[in-house]
């Protein structure tokens, strides 16, 4: 079963530079982020081999949050070859994320 990738300043660029990535900016104290967590786990399994499903703890990685203009969480970036191609803010259904990923792949 696929597992999401924890991103930080050290591995962010390298991880998202190739292919499709979903990057979830979250924080431990954020209720909607906790609601989204099982969905992220399911997406990691569903898209194994097709897209990288990633999480960034925005409390610990504030530089990344600032770099990508994350002002509220959860913020989900959809990236293709290192470029942000779409953004969703707030919790959404698994289907919404699945549709968005499929449209990029």
PDB file of N, CA and C in Angstrom:
ATOM      1  N   UNK A   1       0.850  -1.189   0.000  1.00  0.00           N
ATOM      2  CA  UNK A   1       0.000   0.000   0.000  1.00  0.00           C
ATOM      3  C   UNK A   1       0.887   1.241   0.000  1.00  0.00           C
ATOM      4  N   UNK A   2       0.520   2.189  -0.813  1.00  0.00           N
ATOM      5  CA  UNK A   2       1.300   3.415  -0.926  1.00  0.00           C
ATOM      6  C   UNK A   2       1.236   4.255   0.328  1.00  0.00           C
ATOM      7  N   UNK A   3       2.266   5.004   0.555  1.00  0.00           N
ATOM      8  CA  UNK A   3       2.317   5.895   1.714  1.00  0.00           C
ATOM      9  C   UNK A   3       2.715   7.274   1.208  1.00  0.00           C
ATOM     10  N   UNK A   4       2.134   8.291   1.818  1.00  0.00           N
ATOM     11  CA  UNK A   4       2.500   9.639   1.418  1.00  0.00           C
ATOM     12  C   UNK A   4       3.949   9.924   1.810  1.00  0.00           C
ATOM     13  N   UNK A   5       4.506  10.951   1.202  1.00  0.00           N
ATOM     14  CA  UNK A   5       5.888  11.350   1.433  1.00  0.00           C
ATOM     15  C   UNK A   5       5.897  12.614   2.286  1.00  0.00           C
ATOM     16  N   UNK A   6       6.636  12.586   3.396  1.00  0.00           N
ATOM     17  CA  UNK A   6       6.812  13.787   4.228  1.00  0.00           C
ATOM     18  C   UNK A   6       7.863  14.661   3.565  1.00  0.00           C
ATOM     19  N   UNK A   7       7.497  15.891   3.255  1.00  0.00           N
ATOM     20  CA  UNK A   7       8.443  16.803   2.615  1.00  0.00           C
ATOM     21  C   UNK A   7       8.975  17.827   3.598  1.00  0.00           C
ATOM     22  N   UNK A   8      10.217  18.251   3.363  1.00  0.00           N
ATOM     23  CA  UNK A   8      10.825  19.327   4.136  1.00  0.00           C
ATOM     24  C   UNK A   8      11.761  20.095   3.207  1.00  0.00           C
ATOM     25  N   UNK A   9      12.458  21.074   3.745  1.00  0.00           N
ATOM     26  CA  UNK A   9      13.360  21.883   2.927  1.00  0.00           C
ATOM     27  C   UNK A   9      14.415  21.045   2.219  1.00  0.00           C
ATOM     28  N   UNK A  10      14.803  19.937   2.820  1.00  0.00           N
ATOM     29  CA  UNK A  10      15.876  19.122   2.253  1.00  0.00           C
ATOM     30  C   UNK A  10      15.448  18.295   1.049  1.00  0.00           C
ATOM     31  N   UNK A  11      14.204  17.829   1.027  1.00  0.00           N
ATOM     32  CA  UNK A  11      13.805  16.908  -0.052  1.00  0.00           C
ATOM     33  C   UNK A  11      12.702  17.458  -0.956  1.00  0.00           C
ATOM     34  N   UNK A  12      12.209  18.670  -0.702  1.00  0.00           N
ATOM     35  CA  UNK A  12      11.054  19.185  -1.438  1.00  0.00           C
ATOM     36  C   UNK A  12      11.324  19.277  -2.935  1.00  0.00           C
ATOM     37  N   UNK A  13      12.330  20.067  -3.314  1.00  0.00           N
ATOM     38  CA  UNK A  13      12.602  20.312  -4.742  1.00  0.00           C
ATOM     39  C   UNK A  13      12.868  19.012  -5.487  1.00  0.00           C
ATOM     40  N   UNK A  14      13.706  18.173  -4.893  1.00  0.00           N
ATOM     41  CA  UNK A  14      14.074  16.913  -5.535  1.00  0.00           C
ATOM     42  C   UNK A  14      12.843  16.020  -5.746  1.00  0.00           C
ATOM     43  N   UNK A  15      11.954  15.995  -4.754  1.00  0.00           N
ATOM     44  CA  UNK A  15      10.788  15.112  -4.814  1.00  0.00           C
ATOM     45  C   UNK A  15       9.781  15.567  -5.865  1.00  0.00           C
ATOM     46  N   UNK A  16       9.524  16.878  -5.930  1.00  0.00           N
ATOM     47  CA  UNK A  16       8.458  17.355  -6.831  1.00  0.00           C
ATOM     48  C   UNK A  16       8.971  17.750  -8.218  1.00  0.00           C
ATOM     49  N   UNK A  17      10.273  17.641  -8.450  1.00  0.00           N
ATOM     50  CA  UNK A  17      10.838  18.142  -9.709  1.00  0.00           C
ATOM     51  C   UNK A  17      10.415  17.330 -10.922  1.00  0.00           C
ATOM     52  N   UNK A  18      10.053  16.070 -10.733  1.00  0.00           N
ATOM     53  CA  UNK A  18       9.644  15.232 -11.857  1.00  0.00           C
ATOM     54  C   UNK A  18       8.284  14.607 -11.592  1.00  0.00           C
ATOM     55  N   UNK A  19       7.443  14.612 -12.629  1.00  0.00           N
ATOM     56  CA  UNK A  19       6.156  13.947 -12.538  1.00  0.00           C
ATOM     57  C   UNK A  19       5.100  14.783 -11.831  1.00  0.00           C
ATOM     58  N   UNK A  20       4.038  14.111 -11.416  1.00  0.00           N
ATOM     59  CA  UNK A  20       2.879  14.740 -10.790  1.00  0.00           C
ATOM     60  C   UNK A  20       2.989  14.589  -9.273  1.00  0.00           C
ATOM     61  N   UNK A  21       2.738  15.683  -8.561  1.00  0.00           N
ATOM     62  CA  UNK A  21       2.752  15.640  -7.094  1.00  0.00           C
ATOM     63  C   UNK A  21       1.554  16.384  -6.537  1.00  0.00           C
ATOM     64  N   UNK A  22       0.956  15.819  -5.508  1.00  0.00           N
ATOM     65  CA  UNK A  22      -0.026  16.520  -4.692  1.00  0.00           C
ATOM     66  C   UNK A  22       0.696  16.833  -3.391  1.00  0.00           C
ATOM     67  N   UNK A  23       0.706  18.116  -2.997  1.00  0.00           N
ATOM     68  CA  UNK A  23       1.408  18.521  -1.780  1.00  0.00           C
ATOM     69  C   UNK A  23       0.399  19.158  -0.825  1.00  0.00           C
ATOM     70  N   UNK A  24       0.196  18.500   0.310  1.00  0.00           N
ATOM     71  CA  UNK A  24      -0.748  18.945   1.333  1.00  0.00           C
ATOM     72  C   UNK A  24       0.019  19.707   2.411  1.00  0.00           C
ATOM     73  N   UNK A  25      -0.206  21.023   2.494  1.00  0.00           N
ATOM     74  CA  UNK A  25       0.348  21.823   3.587  1.00  0.00           C
ATOM     75  C   UNK A  25      -0.637  21.747   4.751  1.00  0.00           C
ATOM     76  N   UNK A  26      -0.182  21.263   5.901  1.00  0.00           N
ATOM     77  CA  UNK A  26      -1.048  20.993   7.046  1.00  0.00           C
ATOM     78  C   UNK A  26      -0.341  21.385   8.333  1.00  0.00           C
ATOM     79  N   UNK A  27      -1.053  21.296   9.447  1.00  0.00           N
ATOM     80  CA  UNK A  27      -0.472  21.496  10.773  1.00  0.00           C
ATOM     81  C   UNK A  27      -1.210  20.606  11.766  1.00  0.00           C
ATOM     82  N   UNK A  28      -0.507  20.152  12.801  1.00  0.00           N
ATOM     83  CA  UNK A  28      -1.109  19.224  13.771  1.00  0.00           C
ATOM     84  C   UNK A  28      -2.336  19.790  14.482  1.00  0.00           C
ATOM     85  N   UNK A  29      -2.424  21.096  14.670  1.00  0.00           N
ATOM     86  CA  UNK A  29      -3.528  21.712  15.414  1.00  0.00           C
ATOM     87  C   UNK A  29      -4.741  22.012  14.525  1.00  0.00           C
ATOM     88  N   UNK A  30      -4.638  21.737  13.240  1.00  0.00           N
ATOM     89  CA  UNK A  30      -5.670  22.122  12.273  1.00  0.00           C
ATOM     90  C   UNK A  30      -6.728  21.012  12.136  1.00  0.00           C
ATOM     91  N   UNK A  31      -7.967  21.298  12.557  1.00  0.00           N
ATOM     92  CA  UNK A  31      -9.052  20.316  12.480  1.00  0.00           C
ATOM     93  C   UNK A  31      -9.316  19.799  11.077  1.00  0.00           C
ATOM     94  N   UNK A  32      -9.538  20.692  10.093  1.00  0.00           N
ATOM     95  CA  UNK A  32      -9.767  20.221   8.718  1.00  0.00           C
ATOM     96  C   UNK A  32      -8.593  19.400   8.178  1.00  0.00           C
ATOM     97  N   UNK A  33      -7.367  19.729   8.615  1.00  0.00           N
ATOM     98  CA  UNK A  33      -6.198  18.947   8.183  1.00  0.00           C
ATOM     99  C   UNK A  33      -6.295  17.513   8.694  1.00  0.00           C
ATOM    100  N   UNK A  34      -6.725  17.367   9.957  1.00  0.00           N
ATOM    101  CA  UNK A  34      -6.870  16.025  10.530  1.00  0.00           C
ATOM    102  C   UNK A  34      -7.972  15.248   9.807  1.00  0.00           C
ATOM    103  N   UNK A  35      -9.043  15.942   9.423  1.00  0.00           N
ATOM    104  CA  UNK A  35     -10.118  15.281   8.666  1.00  0.00           C
ATOM    105  C   UNK A  35      -9.608  14.798   7.314  1.00  0.00           C
ATOM    106  N   UNK A  36      -8.692  15.538   6.737  1.00  0.00           N
ATOM    107  CA  UNK A  36      -8.171  15.240   5.406  1.00  0.00           C
ATOM    108  C   UNK A  36      -7.139  14.109   5.423  1.00  0.00           C
ATOM    109  N   UNK A  37      -6.540  13.861   6.563  1.00  0.00           N
ATOM    110  CA  UNK A  37      -5.436  12.905   6.661  1.00  0.00           C
ATOM    111  C   UNK A  37      -5.764  11.512   6.104  1.00  0.00           C
ATOM    112  N   UNK A  38      -6.927  10.904   6.455  1.00  0.00           N
ATOM    113  CA  UNK A  38      -7.225   9.576   5.887  1.00  0.00           C
ATOM    114  C   UNK A  38      -7.409   9.623   4.370  1.00  0.00           C
ATOM    115  N   UNK A  39      -7.906  10.736   3.854  1.00  0.00           N
ATOM    116  CA  UNK A  39      -8.071  10.891   2.406  1.00  0.00           C
ATOM    117  C   UNK A  39      -6.701  10.904   1.729  1.00  0.00           C
ATOM    118  N   UNK A  40      -5.749  11.607   2.325  1.00  0.00           N
ATOM    119  CA  UNK A  40      -4.389  11.658   1.788  1.00  0.00           C
ATOM    120  C   UNK A  40      -3.782  10.257   1.767  1.00  0.00           C
ATOM    121  N   UNK A  41      -4.001   9.494   2.843  1.00  0.00           N
ATOM    122  CA  UNK A  41      -3.509   8.116   2.896  1.00  0.00           C
ATOM    123  C   UNK A  41      -4.108   7.277   1.767  1.00  0.00           C
ATOM    124  N   UNK A  42      -5.420   7.416   1.536  1.00  0.00           N
ATOM    125  CA  UNK A  42      -6.082   6.649   0.477  1.00  0.00           C
ATOM    126  C   UNK A  42      -5.558   7.063  -0.901  1.00  0.00           C
ATOM    127  N   UNK A  43      -5.362   8.362  -1.106  1.00  0.00           N
ATOM    128  CA  UNK A  43      -4.840   8.835  -2.391  1.00  0.00           C
ATOM    129  C   UNK A  43      -3.441   8.281  -2.653  1.00  0.00           C
ATOM    130  N   UNK A  44      -2.620   8.195  -1.588  1.00  0.00           N
ATOM    131  CA  UNK A  44      -1.266   7.654  -1.733  1.00  0.00           C
ATOM    132  C   UNK A  44      -1.326   6.215  -2.253  1.00  0.00           C
ATOM    133  N   UNK A  45      -2.298   5.453  -1.768  1.00  0.00           N
ATOM    134  CA  UNK A  45      -2.454   4.073  -2.237  1.00  0.00           C
ATOM    135  C   UNK A  45      -3.021   4.049  -3.659  1.00  0.00           C
ATOM    136  N   UNK A  46      -4.038   4.864  -3.916  1.00  0.00           N
ATOM    137  CA  UNK A  46      -4.710   4.867  -5.214  1.00  0.00           C
ATOM    138  C   UNK A  46      -3.792   5.309  -6.349  1.00  0.00           C
ATOM    139  N   UNK A  47      -2.908   6.264  -6.053  1.00  0.00           N
ATOM    140  CA  UNK A  47      -2.080   6.852  -7.112  1.00  0.00           C
ATOM    141  C   UNK A  47      -0.630   6.373  -7.075  1.00  0.00           C
ATOM    142  N   UNK A  48      -0.376   5.296  -6.348  1.00  0.00           N
ATOM    143  CA  UNK A  48       0.977   4.748  -6.279  1.00  0.00           C
ATOM    144  C   UNK A  48       1.479   4.459  -7.694  1.00  0.00           C
ATOM    145  N   UNK A  49       2.661   4.983  -8.011  1.00  0.00           N
ATOM    146  CA  UNK A  49       3.228   4.776  -9.338  1.00  0.00           C
ATOM    147  C   UNK A  49       2.745   5.780 -10.372  1.00  0.00           C
ATOM    148  N   UNK A  50       1.713   6.575 -10.041  1.00  0.00           N
ATOM    149  CA  UNK A  50       1.179   7.557 -10.994  1.00  0.00           C
ATOM    150  C   UNK A  50       1.429   8.988 -10.541  1.00  0.00           C
ATOM    151  N   UNK A  51       1.374   9.217  -9.221  1.00  0.00           N
ATOM    152  CA  UNK A  51       1.577  10.564  -8.674  1.00  0.00           C
ATOM    153  C   UNK A  51       2.158  10.427  -7.273  1.00  0.00           C
ATOM    154  N   UNK A  52       2.944  11.423  -6.873  1.00  0.00           N
ATOM    155  CA  UNK A  52       3.483  11.445  -5.517  1.00  0.00           C
ATOM    156  C   UNK A  52       2.510  12.214  -4.636  1.00  0.00           C
ATOM    157  N   UNK A  53       2.094  11.594  -3.544  1.00  0.00           N
ATOM    158  CA  UNK A  53       1.197  12.229  -2.590  1.00  0.00           C
ATOM    159  C   UNK A  53       2.055  12.626  -1.389  1.00  0.00           C
ATOM    160  N   UNK A  54       2.112  13.931  -1.120  1.00  0.00           N
ATOM    161  CA  UNK A  54       3.075  14.456  -0.154  1.00  0.00           C
ATOM    162  C   UNK A  54       2.394  15.344   0.880  1.00  0.00           C
ATOM    163  N   UNK A  55       3.036  15.457   2.041  1.00  0.00           N
ATOM    164  CA  UNK A  55       2.559  16.340   3.100  1.00  0.00           C
ATOM    165  C   UNK A  55       3.710  17.200   3.596  1.00  0.00           C
ATOM    166  N   UNK A  56       3.391  18.458   3.908  1.00  0.00           N
ATOM    167  CA  UNK A  56       4.358  19.379   4.497  1.00  0.00           C
ATOM    168  C   UNK A  56       3.751  19.921   5.788  1.00  0.00           C
ATOM    169  N   UNK A  57       4.433  19.713   6.908  1.00  0.00           N
ATOM    170  CA  UNK A  57       3.995  20.292   8.174  1.00  0.00           C
ATOM    171  C   UNK A  57       4.380  21.770   8.136  1.00  0.00           C
ATOM    172  N   UNK A  58       3.394  22.631   7.934  1.00  0.00           N
ATOM    173  CA  UNK A  58       3.684  24.048   7.720  1.00  0.00           C
ATOM    174  C   UNK A  58       4.194  24.739   8.979  1.00  0.00           C
ATOM    175  N   UNK A  59       3.987  24.150  10.157  1.00  0.00           N
ATOM    176  CA  UNK A  59       4.571  24.701  11.385  1.00  0.00           C
ATOM    177  C   UNK A  59       6.089  24.490  11.388  1.00  0.00           C
ATOM    178  N   UNK A  60       6.507  23.307  10.945  1.00  0.00           N
ATOM    179  CA  UNK A  60       7.930  22.967  10.956  1.00  0.00           C
ATOM    180  C   UNK A  60       8.669  23.491   9.732  1.00  0.00           C
ATOM    181  N   UNK A  61       7.954  23.671   8.627  1.00  0.00           N
ATOM    182  CA  UNK A  61       8.581  24.074   7.355  1.00  0.00           C
ATOM    183  C   UNK A  61       8.000  25.409   6.883  1.00  0.00           C
ATOM    184  N   UNK A  62       8.146  26.424   7.719  1.00  0.00           N
ATOM    185  CA  UNK A  62       7.549  27.724   7.406  1.00  0.00           C
ATOM    186  C   UNK A  62       8.143  28.346   6.142  1.00  0.00           C
ATOM    187  N   UNK A  63       9.419  28.079   5.871  1.00  0.00           N
ATOM    188  CA  UNK A  63      10.045  28.617   4.654  1.00  0.00           C
ATOM    189  C   UNK A  63       9.307  28.143   3.405  1.00  0.00           C
ATOM    190  N   UNK A  64       8.955  26.864   3.377  1.00  0.00           N
ATOM    191  CA  UNK A  64       8.232  26.322   2.219  1.00  0.00           C
ATOM    192  C   UNK A  64       6.843  26.930   2.111  1.00  0.00           C
ATOM    193  N   UNK A  65       6.167  27.081   3.254  1.00  0.00           N
ATOM    194  CA  UNK A  65       4.829  27.677   3.249  1.00  0.00           C
ATOM    195  C   UNK A  65       4.888  29.097   2.694  1.00  0.00           C
ATOM    196  N   UNK A  66       5.881  29.860   3.103  1.00  0.00           N
ATOM    197  CA  UNK A  66       6.035  31.237   2.613  1.00  0.00           C
ATOM    198  C   UNK A  66       6.362  31.225   1.122  1.00  0.00           C
ATOM    199  N   UNK A  67       7.283  30.357   0.723  1.00  0.00           N
ATOM    200  CA  UNK A  67       7.702  30.290  -0.684  1.00  0.00           C
ATOM    201  C   UNK A  67       6.517  30.022  -1.612  1.00  0.00           C
ATOM    202  N   UNK A  68       5.599  29.166  -1.170  1.00  0.00           N
ATOM    203  CA  UNK A  68       4.460  28.798  -2.012  1.00  0.00           C
ATOM    204  C   UNK A  68       3.187  29.571  -1.669  1.00  0.00           C
ATOM    205  N   UNK A  69       3.316  30.611  -0.875  1.00  0.00           N
ATOM    206  CA  UNK A  69       2.189  31.505  -0.608  1.00  0.00           C
ATOM    207  C   UNK A  69       1.052  30.873   0.165  1.00  0.00           C
ATOM    208  N   UNK A  70       1.378  29.926   1.020  1.00  0.00           N
ATOM    209  CA  UNK A  70       0.348  29.252   1.810  1.00  0.00           C
ATOM    210  C   UNK A  70      -0.056  30.162   2.962  1.00  0.00           C
ATOM    211  N   UNK A  71      -1.301  30.640   2.914  1.00  0.00           N
ATOM    212  CA  UNK A  71      -1.791  31.558   3.948  1.00  0.00           C
ATOM    213  C   UNK A  71      -2.819  30.904   4.865  1.00  0.00           C
ATOM    214  N   UNK A  72      -3.479  29.871   4.372  1.00  0.00           N
ATOM    215  CA  UNK A  72      -4.430  29.139   5.209  1.00  0.00           C
ATOM    216  C   UNK A  72      -4.227  27.651   4.938  1.00  0.00           C
ATOM    217  N   UNK A  73      -4.544  26.855   5.940  1.00  0.00           N
ATOM    218  CA  UNK A  73      -4.363  25.418   5.767  1.00  0.00           C
ATOM    219  C   UNK A  73      -5.673  24.695   6.067  1.00  0.00           C
ATOM    220  N   UNK A  74      -5.910  23.559   5.472  1.00  0.00           N
ATOM    221  CA  UNK A  74      -5.009  22.926   4.526  1.00  0.00           C
ATOM    222  C   UNK A  74      -5.001  23.642   3.159  1.00  0.00           C
ATOM    223  N   UNK A  75      -3.825  23.731   2.571  1.00  0.00           N
ATOM    224  CA  UNK A  75      -3.666  24.164   1.188  1.00  0.00           C
ATOM    225  C   UNK A  75      -3.030  23.005   0.446  1.00  0.00           C
ATOM    226  N   UNK A  76      -3.631  22.629  -0.665  1.00  0.00           N
ATOM    227  CA  UNK A  76      -3.127  21.514  -1.452  1.00  0.00           C
ATOM    228  C   UNK A  76      -2.647  22.056  -2.791  1.00  0.00           C
ATOM    229  N   UNK A  77      -1.372  21.816  -3.076  1.00  0.00           N
ATOM    230  CA  UNK A  77      -0.795  22.211  -4.362  1.00  0.00           C
ATOM    231  C   UNK A  77      -0.751  20.998  -5.271  1.00  0.00           C
ATOM    232  N   UNK A  78      -1.116  21.200  -6.514  1.00  0.00           N
ATOM    233  CA  UNK A  78      -0.965  20.171  -7.533  1.00  0.00           C
ATOM    234  C   UNK A  78       0.193  20.616  -8.410  1.00  0.00           C
ATOM    235  N   UNK A  79       1.218  19.782  -8.493  1.00  0.00           N
ATOM    236  CA  UNK A  79       2.435  20.171  -9.193  1.00  0.00           C
ATOM    237  C   UNK A  79       2.755  19.186 -10.307  1.00  0.00           C
ATOM    238  N   UNK A  80       3.291  19.726 -11.385  1.00  0.00           N
ATOM    239  CA  UNK A  80       3.751  18.892 -12.492  1.00  0.00           C
ATOM    240  C   UNK A  80       5.164  19.338 -12.824  1.00  0.00           C
ATOM    241  N   UNK A  81       6.116  18.417 -12.711  1.00  0.00           N
ATOM    242  CA  UNK A  81       7.524  18.695 -12.987  1.00  0.00           C
ATOM    243  C   UNK A  81       8.017  19.950 -12.263  1.00  0.00           C
ATOM    244  N   UNK A  82       7.637  20.083 -10.989  1.00  0.00           N
ATOM    245  CA  UNK A  82       8.132  21.159 -10.151  1.00  0.00           C
ATOM    246  C   UNK A  82       7.363  22.463 -10.232  1.00  0.00           C
ATOM    247  N   UNK A  83       6.386  22.549 -11.128  1.00  0.00           N
ATOM    248  CA  UNK A  83       5.587  23.775 -11.278  1.00  0.00           C
ATOM    249  C   UNK A  83       4.197  23.573 -10.686  1.00  0.00           C
ATOM    250  N   UNK A  84       3.696  24.573  -9.965  1.00  0.00           N
ATOM    251  CA  UNK A  84       2.336  24.506  -9.422  1.00  0.00           C
ATOM    252  C   UNK A  84       1.360  24.718 -10.580  1.00  0.00           C
ATOM    253  N   UNK A  85       0.494  23.737 -10.816  1.00  0.00           N
ATOM    254  CA  UNK A  85      -0.481  23.851 -11.900  1.00  0.00           C
ATOM    255  C   UNK A  85      -1.890  24.118 -11.372  1.00  0.00           C
ATOM    256  N   UNK A  86      -2.118  23.847 -10.085  1.00  0.00           N
ATOM    257  CA  UNK A  86      -3.425  24.126  -9.500  1.00  0.00           C
ATOM    258  C   UNK A  86      -3.303  24.118  -7.986  1.00  0.00           C
ATOM    259  N   UNK A  87      -4.283  24.737  -7.326  1.00  0.00           N
ATOM    260  CA  UNK A  87      -4.292  24.825  -5.870  1.00  0.00           C
ATOM    261  C   UNK A  87      -5.718  24.646  -5.369  1.00  0.00           C
ATOM    262  N   UNK A  88      -5.863  23.941  -4.264  1.00  0.00           N
ATOM    263  CA  UNK A  88      -7.149  23.854  -3.573  1.00  0.00           C
ATOM    264  C   UNK A  88      -6.903  24.258  -2.125  1.00  0.00           C
ATOM    265  N   UNK A  89      -7.809  25.060  -1.572  1.00  0.00           N
ATOM    266  CA  UNK A  89      -7.681  25.491  -0.181  1.00  0.00           C
ATOM    267  C   UNK A  89      -8.862  24.939   0.599  1.00  0.00           C
ATOM    268  N   UNK A  90      -8.553  24.320   1.746  1.00  0.00           N
ATOM    269  CA  UNK A  90      -9.598  23.739   2.575  1.00  0.00           C
ATOM    270  C   UNK A  90      -9.783  22.271   2.273  1.00  0.00           C
ATOM    271  N   UNK A  91     -10.487  21.608   3.172  1.00  0.00           N
ATOM    272  CA  UNK A  91     -10.758  20.184   2.995  1.00  0.00           C
ATOM    273  C   UNK A  91     -11.755  19.996   1.865  1.00  0.00           C
ATOM    274  N   UNK A  92     -11.583  18.924   1.119  1.00  0.00           N
ATOM    275  CA  UNK A  92     -12.496  18.594   0.022  1.00  0.00           C
ATOM    276  C   UNK A  92     -12.659  17.079   0.002  1.00  0.00           C
ATOM    277  N   UNK A  93     -13.549  16.611  -0.832  1.00  0.00           N
ATOM    278  CA  UNK A  93     -13.805  15.174  -0.911  1.00  0.00           C
ATOM    279  C   UNK A  93     -12.659  14.463  -1.620  1.00  0.00           C
ATOM    280  N   UNK A  94     -12.543  13.177  -1.345  1.00  0.00           N
ATOM    281  CA  UNK A  94     -11.541  12.362  -2.035  1.00  0.00           C
ATOM    282  C   UNK A  94     -11.770  12.433  -3.538  1.00  0.00           C
ATOM    283  N   UNK A  95     -13.036  12.439  -3.944  1.00  0.00           N
ATOM    284  CA  UNK A  95     -13.356  12.480  -5.369  1.00  0.00           C
ATOM    285  C   UNK A  95     -12.838  13.759  -6.022  1.00  0.00           C
ATOM    286  N   UNK A  96     -12.933  14.885  -5.305  1.00  0.00           N
ATOM    287  CA  UNK A  96     -12.445  16.161  -5.849  1.00  0.00           C
ATOM    288  C   UNK A  96     -10.943  16.094  -6.112  1.00  0.00           C
ATOM    289  N   UNK A  97     -10.199  15.509  -5.174  1.00  0.00           N
ATOM    290  CA  UNK A  97      -8.748  15.371  -5.366  1.00  0.00           C
ATOM    291  C   UNK A  97      -8.423  14.376  -6.475  1.00  0.00           C
ATOM    292  N   UNK A  98      -9.179  13.275  -6.503  1.00  0.00           N
ATOM    293  CA  UNK A  98      -8.971  12.255  -7.535  1.00  0.00           C
ATOM    294  C   UNK A  98      -9.207  12.854  -8.921  1.00  0.00           C
ATOM    295  N   UNK A  99     -10.297  13.602  -9.076  1.00  0.00           N
ATOM    296  CA  UNK A  99     -10.612  14.216 -10.369  1.00  0.00           C
ATOM    297  C   UNK A  99      -9.522  15.181 -10.791  1.00  0.00           C
ATOM    298  N   UNK A 100      -9.051  15.983  -9.843  1.00  0.00           N
ATOM    299  CA  UNK A 100      -8.008  16.974 -10.137  1.00  0.00           C
ATOM    300  C   UNK A 100      -6.712  16.278 -10.565  1.00  0.00           C
ATOM    301  N   UNK A 101      -6.309  15.247  -9.824  1.00  0.00           N
ATOM    302  CA  UNK A 101      -5.097  14.514 -10.184  1.00  0.00           C
ATOM    303  C   UNK A 101      -5.236  13.872 -11.559  1.00  0.00           C
ATOM    304  N   UNK A 102      -6.370  13.241 -11.800  1.00  0.00           N
ATOM    305  CA  UNK A 102      -6.574  12.574 -13.101  1.00  0.00           C
ATOM    306  C   UNK A 102      -6.541  13.577 -14.251  1.00  0.00           C
ATOM    307  N   UNK A 103      -6.982  14.805 -14.017  1.00  0.00           N
ATOM    308  CA  UNK A 103      -6.983  15.797 -15.073  1.00  0.00           C
ATOM    309  C   UNK A 103      -5.556  16.267 -15.408  1.00  0.00           C
ATOM    310  N   UNK A 104      -4.641  16.131 -14.448  1.00  0.00           N
ATOM    311  CA  UNK A 104      -3.255  16.559 -14.661  1.00  0.00           C
ATOM    312  C   UNK A 104      -2.422  15.433 -15.272  1.00  0.00           C
ATOM    313  N   UNK A 105      -2.742  14.200 -14.869  1.00  0.00           N
ATOM    314  CA  UNK A 105      -1.965  13.037 -15.341  1.00  0.00           C
ATOM    315  C   UNK A 105      -2.197  12.824 -16.779  1.00  0.00           C
TER     316      UNK A 105
END
